[in-house]
Amino acid sequence: MPVTGPVRPRRPYARRAGLTAALCLVATVAAAAPPAPAAPVGCGGPTGGLLCLRGPVGRPGVYTAHYRRGRATAPGEIAVRLGYQRKDSRITAFPGWFGTVRTSGGAATLRGRVGMAAGECIRGVMEHGERVYVTKWSCG
């Protein structure tokens, strides 16, 4: 004679209620989240492209400057100088450069270590010819 354990009563409404509560929680969190920015944070739009700076804002670390040319620009690769600029409540520092590179496929990326302190701001800087382009400030 087979031995079976206790029989659990089926409660389909309990499972459905738990699922409904979870979905309501996800919807509430999504509704409370801030809207996505129109452009990526730390980017700027020089004529004919997009310049971005990424890194651990407000603390030392490796920062990456990236430039991508837009579709409507002249053909051919160009040389760009990529770097950053820091500021705090007292002073805006001169640009620090990662170096100069030619675009490849319309894009250029350079990176380097930046000794940044909490409360400082940083932005990307690009120089092409005699023109200088900057991104938006990102502050820690």
C-alpha atoms as a PDB file:
ATOM      1  CA  MET A   1       0.000   0.000   0.000  1.00  0.00           C
ATOM      2  CA  PRO A   2       1.576   3.318  -1.085  1.00  0.00           C
ATOM      3  CA  VAL A   3       2.041   6.021   1.524  1.00  0.00           C
ATOM      4  CA  THR A   4       1.307   9.597   0.479  1.00  0.00           C
ATOM      5  CA  GLY A   5       1.909  12.863   2.264  1.00  0.00           C
ATOM      6  CA  PRO A   6      -0.734  15.328   3.314  1.00  0.00           C
ATOM      7  CA  VAL A   7      -2.804  16.773   0.513  1.00  0.00           C
ATOM      8  CA  ARG A   8      -2.462  20.515   0.032  1.00  0.00           C
ATOM      9  CA  PRO A   9      -5.586  22.345  -0.952  1.00  0.00           C
ATOM     10  CA  ARG A  10      -5.220  24.210  -4.251  1.00  0.00           C
ATOM     11  CA  ARG A  11      -5.246  27.984  -3.873  1.00  0.00           C
ATOM     12  CA  PRO A  12      -5.029  29.495  -7.356  1.00  0.00           C
ATOM     13  CA  TYR A  13      -6.164  32.899  -6.074  1.00  0.00           C
ATOM     14  CA  ALA A  14      -3.181  33.223  -3.703  1.00  0.00           C
ATOM     15  CA  ARG A  15      -0.703  32.737  -6.547  1.00  0.00           C
ATOM     16  CA  ARG A  16      -2.569  35.231  -8.750  1.00  0.00           C
ATOM     17  CA  ALA A  17      -2.704  37.796  -5.934  1.00  0.00           C
ATOM     18  CA  GLY A  18       1.060  37.491  -5.383  1.00  0.00           C
ATOM     19  CA  LEU A  19       1.743  37.928  -9.099  1.00  0.00           C
ATOM     20  CA  THR A  20      -0.552  40.964  -9.252  1.00  0.00           C
ATOM     21  CA  ALA A  21       1.186  42.557  -6.262  1.00  0.00           C
ATOM     22  CA  ALA A  22       4.607  42.007  -7.871  1.00  0.00           C
ATOM     23  CA  LEU A  23       3.480  43.555 -11.159  1.00  0.00           C
ATOM     24  CA  CYS A  24       2.040  46.570  -9.332  1.00  0.00           C
ATOM     25  CA  LEU A  25       5.357  47.054  -7.501  1.00  0.00           C
ATOM     26  CA  VAL A  26       7.320  46.954 -10.783  1.00  0.00           C
ATOM     27  CA  ALA A  27       4.901  49.435 -12.402  1.00  0.00           C
ATOM     28  CA  THR A  28       5.183  51.808  -9.426  1.00  0.00           C
ATOM     29  CA  VAL A  29       8.993  51.746  -9.510  1.00  0.00           C
ATOM     30  CA  ALA A  30       9.015  52.314 -13.295  1.00  0.00           C
ATOM     31  CA  ALA A  31       6.618  55.259 -12.972  1.00  0.00           C
ATOM     32  CA  ALA A  32       8.733  56.857 -10.224  1.00  0.00           C
ATOM     33  CA  ALA A  33      12.027  56.536 -12.147  1.00  0.00           C
ATOM     34  CA  PRO A  34      13.306  59.735 -13.744  1.00  0.00           C
ATOM     35  CA  PRO A  35      12.932  59.970 -17.514  1.00  0.00           C
ATOM     36  CA  ALA A  36      15.941  59.042 -19.624  1.00  0.00           C
ATOM     37  CA  PRO A  37      18.053  62.019 -20.675  1.00  0.00           C
ATOM     38  CA  ALA A  38      17.828  63.182 -24.294  1.00  0.00           C
ATOM     39  CA  ALA A  39      21.595  62.679 -24.743  1.00  0.00           C
ATOM     40  CA  PRO A  40      23.959  60.410 -22.796  1.00  0.00           C
ATOM     41  CA  VAL A  41      25.290  62.013 -19.607  1.00  0.00           C
ATOM     42  CA  GLY A  42      28.747  63.542 -20.090  1.00  0.00           C
ATOM     43  CA  CYS A  43      28.316  64.059 -23.839  1.00  0.00           C
ATOM     44  CA  GLY A  44      28.256  67.081 -26.078  1.00  0.00           C
ATOM     45  CA  GLY A  45      27.291  67.627 -29.671  1.00  0.00           C
ATOM     46  CA  PRO A  46      30.014  69.320 -31.677  1.00  0.00           C
ATOM     47  CA  THR A  47      29.015  70.101 -35.233  1.00  0.00           C
ATOM     48  CA  GLY A  48      28.902  66.841 -37.138  1.00  0.00           C
ATOM     49  CA  GLY A  49      29.381  64.380 -34.272  1.00  0.00           C
ATOM     50  CA  LEU A  50      29.114  63.383 -30.625  1.00  0.00           C
ATOM     51  CA  LEU A  51      31.840  63.735 -27.981  1.00  0.00           C
ATOM     52  CA  CYS A  52      31.535  61.767 -24.711  1.00  0.00           C
ATOM     53  CA  LEU A  53      33.570  61.369 -21.523  1.00  0.00           C
ATOM     54  CA  ARG A  54      32.977  58.367 -19.260  1.00  0.00           C
ATOM     55  CA  GLY A  55      34.541  57.535 -15.911  1.00  0.00           C
ATOM     56  CA  PRO A  56      33.998  57.321 -12.146  1.00  0.00           C
ATOM     57  CA  VAL A  57      33.033  60.985 -11.590  1.00  0.00           C
ATOM     58  CA  GLY A  58      34.071  62.303  -8.177  1.00  0.00           C
ATOM     59  CA  ARG A  59      36.917  59.866  -7.594  1.00  0.00           C
ATOM     60  CA  PRO A  60      40.210  58.889  -9.257  1.00  0.00           C
ATOM     61  CA  GLY A  61      40.053  56.343 -12.043  1.00  0.00           C
ATOM     62  CA  VAL A  62      40.308  55.654 -15.751  1.00  0.00           C
ATOM     63  CA  TYR A  63      38.366  58.062 -17.943  1.00  0.00           C
ATOM     64  CA  THR A  64      37.547  57.495 -21.618  1.00  0.00           C
ATOM     65  CA  ALA A  65      37.006  60.242 -24.196  1.00  0.00           C
ATOM     66  CA  HIS A  66      35.151  59.062 -27.303  1.00  0.00           C
ATOM     67  CA  TYR A  67      34.263  60.984 -30.458  1.00  0.00           C
ATOM     68  CA  ARG A  68      32.008  59.718 -33.243  1.00  0.00           C
ATOM     69  CA  ARG A  69      31.473  61.671 -36.440  1.00  0.00           C
ATOM     70  CA  GLY A  70      27.949  62.111 -37.739  1.00  0.00           C
ATOM     71  CA  ARG A  71      26.753  60.843 -41.131  1.00  0.00           C
ATOM     72  CA  ALA A  72      26.478  64.281 -42.718  1.00  0.00           C
ATOM     73  CA  THR A  73      30.169  65.145 -42.347  1.00  0.00           C
ATOM     74  CA  ALA A  74      32.797  65.300 -45.060  1.00  0.00           C
ATOM     75  CA  PRO A  75      34.410  61.999 -46.086  1.00  0.00           C
ATOM     76  CA  GLY A  76      37.848  61.016 -44.815  1.00  0.00           C
ATOM     77  CA  GLU A  77      39.396  60.498 -41.422  1.00  0.00           C
ATOM     78  CA  ILE A  78      40.494  63.408 -39.240  1.00  0.00           C
ATOM     79  CA  ALA A  79      43.007  63.916 -36.416  1.00  0.00           C
ATOM     80  CA  VAL A  80      41.515  64.855 -33.037  1.00  0.00           C
ATOM     81  CA  ARG A  81      43.072  65.630 -29.682  1.00  0.00           C
ATOM     82  CA  LEU A  82      41.039  64.163 -26.807  1.00  0.00           C
ATOM     83  CA  GLY A  83      41.180  64.964 -23.115  1.00  0.00           C
ATOM     84  CA  TYR A  84      39.340  66.374 -20.109  1.00  0.00           C
ATOM     85  CA  GLN A  85      38.973  69.496 -17.997  1.00  0.00           C
ATOM     86  CA  ARG A  86      38.345  69.537 -14.231  1.00  0.00           C
ATOM     87  CA  LYS A  87      36.883  72.175 -11.943  1.00  0.00           C
ATOM     88  CA  ASP A  88      36.011  72.580  -8.289  1.00  0.00           C
ATOM     89  CA  SER A  89      34.319  75.388  -6.373  1.00  0.00           C
ATOM     90  CA  ARG A  90      37.410  77.639  -6.690  1.00  0.00           C
ATOM     91  CA  ILE A  91      39.022  77.040 -10.070  1.00  0.00           C
ATOM     92  CA  THR A  92      38.621  75.561 -13.521  1.00  0.00           C
ATOM     93  CA  ALA A  93      41.751  73.639 -14.494  1.00  0.00           C
ATOM     94  CA  PHE A  94      43.461  73.720 -17.864  1.00  0.00           C
ATOM     95  CA  PRO A  95      42.763  70.753 -20.138  1.00  0.00           C
ATOM     96  CA  GLY A  96      44.597  67.492 -19.525  1.00  0.00           C
ATOM     97  CA  TRP A  97      45.184  65.603 -22.773  1.00  0.00           C
ATOM     98  CA  PHE A  98      45.076  61.853 -23.387  1.00  0.00           C
ATOM     99  CA  GLY A  99      46.736  62.394 -26.785  1.00  0.00           C
ATOM    100  CA  THR A 100      45.988  62.846 -30.488  1.00  0.00           C
ATOM    101  CA  VAL A 101      44.546  60.121 -32.699  1.00  0.00           C
ATOM    102  CA  ARG A 102      43.067  59.800 -36.186  1.00  0.00           C
ATOM    103  CA  THR A 103      39.481  58.660 -36.432  1.00  0.00           C
ATOM    104  CA  SER A 104      38.948  55.149 -37.729  1.00  0.00           C
ATOM    105  CA  GLY A 105      35.547  54.457 -39.252  1.00  0.00           C
ATOM    106  CA  GLY A 106      34.565  57.945 -38.122  1.00  0.00           C
ATOM    107  CA  ALA A 107      35.344  57.298 -34.431  1.00  0.00           C
ATOM    108  CA  ALA A 108      38.239  57.928 -32.051  1.00  0.00           C
ATOM    109  CA  THR A 109      38.763  56.803 -28.446  1.00  0.00           C
ATOM    110  CA  LEU A 110      41.513  57.568 -25.949  1.00  0.00           C
ATOM    111  CA  ARG A 111      41.686  56.962 -22.210  1.00  0.00           C
ATOM    112  CA  GLY A 112      43.827  57.746 -19.233  1.00  0.00           C
ATOM    113  CA  ARG A 113      43.958  57.875 -15.458  1.00  0.00           C
ATOM    114  CA  VAL A 114      42.660  61.063 -13.825  1.00  0.00           C
ATOM    115  CA  GLY A 115      43.267  61.914 -10.152  1.00  0.00           C
ATOM    116  CA  MET A 116      39.906  63.440  -9.326  1.00  0.00           C
ATOM    117  CA  ALA A 117      38.611  64.395  -5.855  1.00  0.00           C
ATOM    118  CA  ALA A 118      35.074  64.174  -4.486  1.00  0.00           C
ATOM    119  CA  GLY A 119      33.049  67.285  -5.287  1.00  0.00           C
ATOM    120  CA  GLU A 120      34.995  68.076  -8.455  1.00  0.00           C
ATOM    121  CA  CYS A 121      33.434  68.289 -11.908  1.00  0.00           C
ATOM    122  CA  ILE A 122      34.870  66.957 -15.159  1.00  0.00           C
ATOM    123  CA  ARG A 123      34.064  67.344 -18.852  1.00  0.00           C
ATOM    124  CA  GLY A 124      35.485  66.003 -22.077  1.00  0.00           C
ATOM    125  CA  VAL A 125      37.529  68.222 -24.380  1.00  0.00           C
ATOM    126  CA  MET A 126      38.299  67.720 -28.079  1.00  0.00           C
ATOM    127  CA  GLU A 127      40.509  69.817 -30.305  1.00  0.00           C
ATOM    128  CA  HIS A 128      40.388  69.584 -34.100  1.00  0.00           C
ATOM    129  CA  GLY A 129      42.378  72.108 -36.096  1.00  0.00           C
ATOM    130  CA  GLU A 130      42.007  75.360 -34.192  1.00  0.00           C
ATOM    131  CA  ARG A 131      38.560  74.571 -32.769  1.00  0.00           C
ATOM    132  CA  VAL A 132      37.932  73.222 -29.269  1.00  0.00           C
ATOM    133  CA  TYR A 133      34.766  71.335 -28.306  1.00  0.00           C
ATOM    134  CA  VAL A 134      33.614  70.397 -24.789  1.00  0.00           C
ATOM    135  CA  THR A 135      30.982  68.114 -23.268  1.00  0.00           C
ATOM    136  CA  LYS A 136      28.561  68.915 -20.475  1.00  0.00           C
ATOM    137  CA  TRP A 137      29.983  69.047 -16.941  1.00  0.00           C
ATOM    138  CA  SER A 138      29.555  65.902 -14.818  1.00  0.00           C
ATOM    139  CA  CYS A 139      29.948  66.490 -11.074  1.00  0.00           C
ATOM    140  CA  GLY A 140      30.608  64.080  -8.210  1.00  0.00           C
END
